Amino acid sequence: MMMPIEQAAVFLLLVGQEKGQKIIALMDTGEIKAIIPVLRRLTDVSPHVQEFIWAKFKDLGYEADMNPAELLTLIRFLFSDSKFC
């Protein structure tokens, strides 16, 4: 099972570099320090994991036209039972 921080990192990759960078720019320092090392460790994300992450974020309310602030809110929802950083 993937930890929330890993799910968030995969999601940032899946939304694309431009949108992912805009989301990271809205994060606080602690969140950035937590997510960047995880992003650096990601190499290849299998189709199965990609499907899992898309489904997870759709369950959280993801829509393709959401802005970066709204997407960051979804990422933070992943951590409702644990700390982000």
PDB file of N, CA and C in Angstrom:
ATOM      1  N   MET A   1       0.830  -1.181   0.000  1.00  0.00           N
ATOM      2  CA  MET A   1       0.000   0.000   0.000  1.00  0.00           C
ATOM      3  C   MET A   1       0.884   1.258   0.000  1.00  0.00           C
ATOM      4  N   MET A   2       0.479   2.219  -0.777  1.00  0.00           N
ATOM      5  CA  MET A   2       1.248   3.454  -0.880  1.00  0.00           C
ATOM      6  C   MET A   2       0.886   4.407   0.256  1.00  0.00           C
ATOM      7  N   MET A   3       1.898   5.054   0.780  1.00  0.00           N
ATOM      8  CA  MET A   3       1.683   6.075   1.797  1.00  0.00           C
ATOM      9  C   MET A   3       1.093   7.317   1.125  1.00  0.00           C
ATOM     10  N   PRO A   4       0.363   8.146   1.876  1.00  0.00           N
ATOM     11  CA  PRO A   4      -0.226   9.357   1.288  1.00  0.00           C
ATOM     12  C   PRO A   4       0.804  10.255   0.589  1.00  0.00           C
ATOM     13  N   ILE A   5       1.995  10.383   1.160  1.00  0.00           N
ATOM     14  CA  ILE A   5       3.014  11.240   0.539  1.00  0.00           C
ATOM     15  C   ILE A   5       3.423  10.690  -0.826  1.00  0.00           C
ATOM     16  N   GLU A   6       3.467   9.369  -0.952  1.00  0.00           N
ATOM     17  CA  GLU A   6       3.796   8.753  -2.238  1.00  0.00           C
ATOM     18  C   GLU A   6       2.654   8.961  -3.233  1.00  0.00           C
ATOM     19  N   GLN A   7       1.423   8.844  -2.760  1.00  0.00           N
ATOM     20  CA  GLN A   7       0.270   9.088  -3.627  1.00  0.00           C
ATOM     21  C   GLN A   7       0.273  10.523  -4.129  1.00  0.00           C
ATOM     22  N   ALA A   8       0.576  11.453  -3.241  1.00  0.00           N
ATOM     23  CA  ALA A   8       0.623  12.865  -3.622  1.00  0.00           C
ATOM     24  C   ALA A   8       1.711  13.109  -4.660  1.00  0.00           C
ATOM     25  N   ALA A   9       2.863  12.490  -4.476  1.00  0.00           N
ATOM     26  CA  ALA A   9       3.969  12.662  -5.424  1.00  0.00           C
ATOM     27  C   ALA A   9       3.603  12.111  -6.799  1.00  0.00           C
ATOM     28  N   VAL A  10       2.999  10.946  -6.826  1.00  0.00           N
ATOM     29  CA  VAL A  10       2.579  10.367  -8.112  1.00  0.00           C
ATOM     30  C   VAL A  10       1.541  11.275  -8.774  1.00  0.00           C
ATOM     31  N   PHE A  11       0.605  11.773  -7.998  1.00  0.00           N
ATOM     32  CA  PHE A  11      -0.406  12.675  -8.546  1.00  0.00           C
ATOM     33  C   PHE A  11       0.244  13.904  -9.180  1.00  0.00           C
ATOM     34  N   LEU A  12       1.235  14.474  -8.508  1.00  0.00           N
ATOM     35  CA  LEU A  12       1.935  15.642  -9.062  1.00  0.00           C
ATOM     36  C   LEU A  12       2.580  15.309 -10.405  1.00  0.00           C
ATOM     37  N   LEU A  13       3.090  14.103 -10.531  1.00  0.00           N
ATOM     38  CA  LEU A  13       3.662  13.690 -11.822  1.00  0.00           C
ATOM     39  C   LEU A  13       2.575  13.515 -12.874  1.00  0.00           C
ATOM     40  N   LEU A  14       1.461  12.929 -12.479  1.00  0.00           N
ATOM     41  CA  LEU A  14       0.398  12.631 -13.430  1.00  0.00           C
ATOM     42  C   LEU A  14      -0.286  13.882 -13.979  1.00  0.00           C
ATOM     43  N   VAL A  15      -0.364  14.948 -13.184  1.00  0.00           N
ATOM     44  CA  VAL A  15      -1.025  16.157 -13.677  1.00  0.00           C
ATOM     45  C   VAL A  15      -0.145  16.950 -14.634  1.00  0.00           C
ATOM     46  N   GLY A  16       1.113  16.563 -14.735  1.00  0.00           N
ATOM     47  CA  GLY A  16       2.014  17.226 -15.668  1.00  0.00           C
ATOM     48  C   GLY A  16       2.925  18.220 -14.975  1.00  0.00           C
ATOM     49  N   GLN A  17       4.040  18.490 -15.631  1.00  0.00           N
ATOM     50  CA  GLN A  17       5.079  19.320 -15.032  1.00  0.00           C
ATOM     51  C   GLN A  17       4.591  20.734 -14.715  1.00  0.00           C
ATOM     52  N   GLU A  18       3.920  21.361 -15.656  1.00  0.00           N
ATOM     53  CA  GLU A  18       3.491  22.749 -15.456  1.00  0.00           C
ATOM     54  C   GLU A  18       2.517  22.870 -14.282  1.00  0.00           C
ATOM     55  N   LYS A  19       1.476  22.051 -14.284  1.00  0.00           N
ATOM     56  CA  LYS A  19       0.482  22.119 -13.216  1.00  0.00           C
ATOM     57  C   LYS A  19       1.091  21.648 -11.900  1.00  0.00           C
ATOM     58  N   GLY A  20       1.926  20.620 -11.957  1.00  0.00           N
ATOM     59  CA  GLY A  20       2.589  20.122 -10.749  1.00  0.00           C
ATOM     60  C   GLY A  20       3.451  21.186 -10.095  1.00  0.00           C
ATOM     61  N   GLN A  21       4.185  21.941 -10.904  1.00  0.00           N
ATOM     62  CA  GLN A  21       5.024  23.015 -10.363  1.00  0.00           C
ATOM     63  C   GLN A  21       4.179  24.120  -9.729  1.00  0.00           C
ATOM     64  N   LYS A  22       3.041  24.417 -10.331  1.00  0.00           N
ATOM     65  CA  LYS A  22       2.152  25.441  -9.765  1.00  0.00           C
ATOM     66  C   LYS A  22       1.588  24.988  -8.424  1.00  0.00           C
ATOM     67  N   ILE A  23       1.286  23.705  -8.295  1.00  0.00           N
ATOM     68  CA  ILE A  23       0.785  23.175  -7.028  1.00  0.00           C
ATOM     69  C   ILE A  23       1.880  23.261  -5.969  1.00  0.00           C
ATOM     70  N   ILE A  24       3.086  22.827  -6.316  1.00  0.00           N
ATOM     71  CA  ILE A  24       4.204  22.871  -5.369  1.00  0.00           C
ATOM     72  C   ILE A  24       4.476  24.308  -4.924  1.00  0.00           C
ATOM     73  N   ALA A  25       4.343  25.258  -5.840  1.00  0.00           N
ATOM     74  CA  ALA A  25       4.582  26.669  -5.501  1.00  0.00           C
ATOM     75  C   ALA A  25       3.612  27.170  -4.431  1.00  0.00           C
ATOM     76  N   LEU A  26       2.453  26.531  -4.306  1.00  0.00           N
ATOM     77  CA  LEU A  26       1.459  26.933  -3.305  1.00  0.00           C
ATOM     78  C   LEU A  26       1.648  26.230  -1.958  1.00  0.00           C
ATOM     79  N   MET A  27       2.504  25.225  -1.921  1.00  0.00           N
ATOM     80  CA  MET A  27       2.719  24.465  -0.687  1.00  0.00           C
ATOM     81  C   MET A  27       3.531  25.285   0.307  1.00  0.00           C
ATOM     82  N   ASP A  28       3.350  24.951   1.580  1.00  0.00           N
ATOM     83  CA  ASP A  28       4.196  25.601   2.574  1.00  0.00           C
ATOM     84  C   ASP A  28       5.552  24.888   2.612  1.00  0.00           C
ATOM     85  N   THR A  29       6.503  25.482   3.300  1.00  0.00           N
ATOM     86  CA  THR A  29       7.880  24.974   3.308  1.00  0.00           C
ATOM     87  C   THR A  29       7.961  23.531   3.788  1.00  0.00           C
ATOM     88  N   GLY A  30       7.223  23.203   4.829  1.00  0.00           N
ATOM     89  CA  GLY A  30       7.247  21.830   5.347  1.00  0.00           C
ATOM     90  C   GLY A  30       6.732  20.821   4.346  1.00  0.00           C
ATOM     91  N   GLU A  31       5.681  21.197   3.629  1.00  0.00           N
ATOM     92  CA  GLU A  31       5.126  20.305   2.609  1.00  0.00           C
ATOM     93  C   GLU A  31       6.126  20.087   1.479  1.00  0.00           C
ATOM     94  N   ILE A  32       6.773  21.163   1.067  1.00  0.00           N
ATOM     95  CA  ILE A  32       7.765  21.052  -0.012  1.00  0.00           C
ATOM     96  C   ILE A  32       8.914  20.154   0.422  1.00  0.00           C
ATOM     97  N   LYS A  33       9.405  20.358   1.644  1.00  0.00           N
ATOM     98  CA  LYS A  33      10.514  19.536   2.149  1.00  0.00           C
ATOM     99  C   LYS A  33      10.123  18.071   2.239  1.00  0.00           C
ATOM    100  N   ALA A  34       8.849  17.797   2.474  1.00  0.00           N
ATOM    101  CA  ALA A  34       8.383  16.414   2.574  1.00  0.00           C
ATOM    102  C   ALA A  34       8.213  15.770   1.204  1.00  0.00           C
ATOM    103  N   ILE A  35       7.706  16.523   0.225  1.00  0.00           N
ATOM    104  CA  ILE A  35       7.335  15.914  -1.057  1.00  0.00           C
ATOM    105  C   ILE A  35       8.504  15.805  -2.045  1.00  0.00           C
ATOM    106  N   ILE A  36       9.421  16.754  -2.026  1.00  0.00           N
ATOM    107  CA  ILE A  36      10.499  16.769  -3.033  1.00  0.00           C
ATOM    108  C   ILE A  36      11.344  15.491  -2.997  1.00  0.00           C
ATOM    109  N   PRO A  37      11.792  15.018  -1.827  1.00  0.00           N
ATOM    110  CA  PRO A  37      12.574  13.774  -1.834  1.00  0.00           C
ATOM    111  C   PRO A  37      11.796  12.583  -2.398  1.00  0.00           C
ATOM    112  N   VAL A  38      10.506  12.544  -2.146  1.00  0.00           N
ATOM    113  CA  VAL A  38       9.673  11.452  -2.660  1.00  0.00           C
ATOM    114  C   VAL A  38       9.561  11.567  -4.176  1.00  0.00           C
ATOM    115  N   LEU A  39       9.381  12.775  -4.684  1.00  0.00           N
ATOM    116  CA  LEU A  39       9.331  12.981  -6.132  1.00  0.00           C
ATOM    117  C   LEU A  39      10.634  12.545  -6.790  1.00  0.00           C
ATOM    118  N   ARG A  40      11.739  12.857  -6.165  1.00  0.00           N
ATOM    119  CA  ARG A  40      13.052  12.491  -6.731  1.00  0.00           C
ATOM    120  C   ARG A  40      13.257  10.991  -6.792  1.00  0.00           C
ATOM    121  N   ARG A  41      12.645  10.260  -5.851  1.00  0.00           N
ATOM    122  CA  ARG A  41      12.788   8.797  -5.828  1.00  0.00           C
ATOM    123  C   ARG A  41      11.916   8.103  -6.867  1.00  0.00           C
ATOM    124  N   LEU A  42      10.880   8.779  -7.341  1.00  0.00           N
ATOM    125  CA  LEU A  42       9.990   8.154  -8.318  1.00  0.00           C
ATOM    126  C   LEU A  42      10.701   8.014  -9.655  1.00  0.00           C
ATOM    127  N   THR A  43      10.673   6.843 -10.190  1.00  0.00           N
ATOM    128  CA  THR A  43      11.294   6.627 -11.492  1.00  0.00           C
ATOM    129  C   THR A  43      10.238   6.222 -12.513  1.00  0.00           C
ATOM    130  N   ASP A  44       9.673   5.063 -12.319  1.00  0.00           N
ATOM    131  CA  ASP A  44       8.679   4.559 -13.263  1.00  0.00           C
ATOM    132  C   ASP A  44       7.393   4.253 -12.498  1.00  0.00           C
ATOM    133  N   VAL A  45       6.297   4.823 -12.965  1.00  0.00           N
ATOM    134  CA  VAL A  45       5.008   4.605 -12.316  1.00  0.00           C
ATOM    135  C   VAL A  45       4.194   3.679 -13.213  1.00  0.00           C
ATOM    136  N   SER A  46       3.909   2.513 -12.713  1.00  0.00           N
ATOM    137  CA  SER A  46       3.207   1.511 -13.514  1.00  0.00           C
ATOM    138  C   SER A  46       1.795   1.980 -13.859  1.00  0.00           C
ATOM    139  N   PRO A  47       1.234   1.457 -14.958  1.00  0.00           N
ATOM    140  CA  PRO A  47      -0.150   1.792 -15.315  1.00  0.00           C
ATOM    141  C   PRO A  47      -1.132   1.463 -14.188  1.00  0.00           C
ATOM    142  N   HIS A  48      -0.872   0.378 -13.467  1.00  0.00           N
ATOM    143  CA  HIS A  48      -1.742  -0.007 -12.355  1.00  0.00           C
ATOM    144  C   HIS A  48      -1.741   1.074 -11.269  1.00  0.00           C
ATOM    145  N   VAL A  49      -0.559   1.569 -10.925  1.00  0.00           N
ATOM    146  CA  VAL A  49      -0.450   2.619  -9.905  1.00  0.00           C
ATOM    147  C   VAL A  49      -1.100   3.905 -10.412  1.00  0.00           C
ATOM    148  N   GLN A  50      -0.898   4.224 -11.680  1.00  0.00           N
ATOM    149  CA  GLN A  50      -1.522   5.421 -12.249  1.00  0.00           C
ATOM    150  C   GLN A  50      -3.039   5.344 -12.143  1.00  0.00           C
ATOM    151  N   GLU A  51      -3.614   4.204 -12.480  1.00  0.00           N
ATOM    152  CA  GLU A  51      -5.062   4.012 -12.376  1.00  0.00           C
ATOM    153  C   GLU A  51      -5.534   4.166 -10.938  1.00  0.00           C
ATOM    154  N   PHE A  52      -4.773   3.586 -10.004  1.00  0.00           N
ATOM    155  CA  PHE A  52      -5.109   3.684  -8.591  1.00  0.00           C
ATOM    156  C   PHE A  52      -5.133   5.146  -8.140  1.00  0.00           C
ATOM    157  N   ILE A  53      -4.113   5.912  -8.533  1.00  0.00           N
ATOM    158  CA  ILE A  53      -4.015   7.318  -8.112  1.00  0.00           C
ATOM    159  C   ILE A  53      -5.144   8.139  -8.728  1.00  0.00           C
ATOM    160  N   TRP A  54      -5.409   7.961 -10.030  1.00  0.00           N
ATOM    161  CA  TRP A  54      -6.517   8.701 -10.647  1.00  0.00           C
ATOM    162  C   TRP A  54      -7.831   8.388  -9.942  1.00  0.00           C
ATOM    163  N   ALA A  55      -8.071   7.106  -9.641  1.00  0.00           N
ATOM    164  CA  ALA A  55      -9.308   6.710  -8.965  1.00  0.00           C
ATOM    165  C   ALA A  55      -9.381   7.338  -7.572  1.00  0.00           C
ATOM    166  N   LYS A  56      -8.276   7.326  -6.858  1.00  0.00           N
ATOM    167  CA  LYS A  56      -8.226   7.907  -5.518  1.00  0.00           C
ATOM    168  C   LYS A  56      -8.577   9.391  -5.560  1.00  0.00           C
ATOM    169  N   PHE A  57      -7.978  10.119  -6.513  1.00  0.00           N
ATOM    170  CA  PHE A  57      -8.230  11.556  -6.583  1.00  0.00           C
ATOM    171  C   PHE A  57      -9.618  11.866  -7.130  1.00  0.00           C
ATOM    172  N   LYS A  58     -10.151  11.021  -7.990  1.00  0.00           N
ATOM    173  CA  LYS A  58     -11.537  11.215  -8.432  1.00  0.00           C
ATOM    174  C   LYS A  58     -12.492  11.023  -7.261  1.00  0.00           C
ATOM    175  N   ASP A  59     -12.174  10.066  -6.386  1.00  0.00           N
ATOM    176  CA  ASP A  59     -12.979   9.873  -5.179  1.00  0.00           C
ATOM    177  C   ASP A  59     -12.918  11.097  -4.267  1.00  0.00           C
ATOM    178  N   LEU A  60     -11.786  11.799  -4.291  1.00  0.00           N
ATOM    179  CA  LEU A  60     -11.621  13.004  -3.481  1.00  0.00           C
ATOM    180  C   LEU A  60     -12.298  14.223  -4.117  1.00  0.00           C
ATOM    181  N   GLY A  61     -12.733  14.070  -5.393  1.00  0.00           N
ATOM    182  CA  GLY A  61     -13.413  15.170  -6.071  1.00  0.00           C
ATOM    183  C   GLY A  61     -12.660  15.778  -7.231  1.00  0.00           C
ATOM    184  N   TYR A  62     -11.582  15.124  -7.683  1.00  0.00           N
ATOM    185  CA  TYR A  62     -10.776  15.652  -8.782  1.00  0.00           C
ATOM    186  C   TYR A  62     -11.606  15.872 -10.041  1.00  0.00           C
ATOM    187  N   GLU A  63     -11.371  17.028 -10.662  1.00  0.00           N
ATOM    188  CA  GLU A  63     -11.907  17.332 -11.981  1.00  0.00           C
ATOM    189  C   GLU A  63     -10.787  17.975 -12.787  1.00  0.00           C
ATOM    190  N   ALA A  64     -10.723  17.680 -14.066  1.00  0.00           N
ATOM    191  CA  ALA A  64      -9.616  18.125 -14.908  1.00  0.00           C
ATOM    192  C   ALA A  64      -9.450  19.639 -14.959  1.00  0.00           C
ATOM    193  N   ASP A  65     -10.539  20.383 -14.763  1.00  0.00           N
ATOM    194  CA  ASP A  65     -10.444  21.839 -14.883  1.00  0.00           C
ATOM    195  C   ASP A  65     -10.157  22.546 -13.557  1.00  0.00           C
ATOM    196  N   MET A  66      -9.807  21.791 -12.525  1.00  0.00           N
ATOM    197  CA  MET A  66      -9.505  22.398 -11.229  1.00  0.00           C
ATOM    198  C   MET A  66      -8.212  23.213 -11.308  1.00  0.00           C
ATOM    199  N   ASN A  67      -8.169  24.297 -10.541  1.00  0.00           N
ATOM    200  CA  ASN A  67      -6.957  25.111 -10.516  1.00  0.00           C
ATOM    201  C   ASN A  67      -5.963  24.534  -9.499  1.00  0.00           C
ATOM    202  N   PRO A  68      -4.709  24.999  -9.531  1.00  0.00           N
ATOM    203  CA  PRO A  68      -3.694  24.439  -8.632  1.00  0.00           C
ATOM    204  C   PRO A  68      -4.064  24.518  -7.143  1.00  0.00           C
ATOM    205  N   ALA A  69      -4.695  25.588  -6.709  1.00  0.00           N
ATOM    206  CA  ALA A  69      -5.085  25.695  -5.296  1.00  0.00           C
ATOM    207  C   ALA A  69      -6.104  24.623  -4.928  1.00  0.00           C
ATOM    208  N   GLU A  70      -7.046  24.368  -5.812  1.00  0.00           N
ATOM    209  CA  GLU A  70      -8.040  23.324  -5.562  1.00  0.00           C
ATOM    210  C   GLU A  70      -7.374  21.941  -5.531  1.00  0.00           C
ATOM    211  N   LEU A  71      -6.401  21.738  -6.415  1.00  0.00           N
ATOM    212  CA  LEU A  71      -5.698  20.453  -6.445  1.00  0.00           C
ATOM    213  C   LEU A  71      -4.862  20.258  -5.191  1.00  0.00           C
ATOM    214  N   LEU A  72      -4.270  21.329  -4.687  1.00  0.00           N
ATOM    215  CA  LEU A  72      -3.516  21.227  -3.440  1.00  0.00           C
ATOM    216  C   LEU A  72      -4.453  20.851  -2.290  1.00  0.00           C
ATOM    217  N   THR A  73      -5.647  21.376  -2.299  1.00  0.00           N
ATOM    218  CA  THR A  73      -6.633  21.016  -1.279  1.00  0.00           C
ATOM    219  C   THR A  73      -6.925  19.517  -1.332  1.00  0.00           C
ATOM    220  N   LEU A  74      -7.053  18.965  -2.534  1.00  0.00           N
ATOM    221  CA  LEU A  74      -7.273  17.514  -2.660  1.00  0.00           C
ATOM    222  C   LEU A  74      -6.095  16.737  -2.101  1.00  0.00           C
ATOM    223  N   ILE A  75      -4.883  17.197  -2.414  1.00  0.00           N
ATOM    224  CA  ILE A  75      -3.689  16.531  -1.891  1.00  0.00           C
ATOM    225  C   ILE A  75      -3.719  16.548  -0.367  1.00  0.00           C
ATOM    226  N   ARG A  76      -4.077  17.680   0.194  1.00  0.00           N
ATOM    227  CA  ARG A  76      -4.132  17.779   1.657  1.00  0.00           C
ATOM    228  C   ARG A  76      -5.211  16.878   2.243  1.00  0.00           C
ATOM    229  N   PHE A  77      -6.281  16.614   1.493  1.00  0.00           N
ATOM    230  CA  PHE A  77      -7.317  15.679   1.960  1.00  0.00           C
ATOM    231  C   PHE A  77      -6.746  14.280   2.182  1.00  0.00           C
ATOM    232  N   LEU A  78      -5.731  13.917   1.407  1.00  0.00           N
ATOM    233  CA  LEU A  78      -5.091  12.602   1.586  1.00  0.00           C
ATOM    234  C   LEU A  78      -4.561  12.441   2.996  1.00  0.00           C
ATOM    235  N   PHE A  79      -4.207  13.558   3.609  1.00  0.00           N
ATOM    236  CA  PHE A  79      -3.547  13.530   4.904  1.00  0.00           C
ATOM    237  C   PHE A  79      -4.498  13.827   6.052  1.00  0.00           C
ATOM    238  N   SER A  80      -5.781  13.660   5.828  1.00  0.00           N
ATOM    239  CA  SER A  80      -6.769  13.973   6.856  1.00  0.00           C
ATOM    240  C   SER A  80      -6.585  13.115   8.109  1.00  0.00           C
ATOM    241  N   ASP A  81      -6.025  11.927   7.955  1.00  0.00           N
ATOM    242  CA  ASP A  81      -5.790  11.051   9.099  1.00  0.00           C
ATOM    243  C   ASP A  81      -4.329  11.021   9.543  1.00  0.00           C
ATOM    244  N   SER A  82      -3.486  11.781   8.840  1.00  0.00           N
ATOM    245  CA  SER A  82      -2.059  11.803   9.189  1.00  0.00           C
ATOM    246  C   SER A  82      -1.493  13.162   8.822  1.00  0.00           C
ATOM    247  N   LYS A  83      -0.258  13.379   9.191  1.00  0.00           N
ATOM    248  CA  LYS A  83       0.373  14.663   8.875  1.00  0.00           C
ATOM    249  C   LYS A  83       1.014  14.613   7.498  1.00  0.00           C
ATOM    250  N   PHE A  84       0.971  15.732   6.787  1.00  0.00           N
ATOM    251  CA  PHE A  84       1.606  15.852   5.479  1.00  0.00           C
ATOM    252  C   PHE A  84       3.111  15.858   5.646  1.00  0.00           C
ATOM    253  N   CYS A  85       3.587  16.630   6.588  1.00  0.00           N
ATOM    254  CA  CYS A  85       5.036  16.764   6.771  1.00  0.00           C
ATOM    255  C   CYS A  85       5.397  16.631   8.232  1.00  0.00           C
TER     256      CYS A  85
END
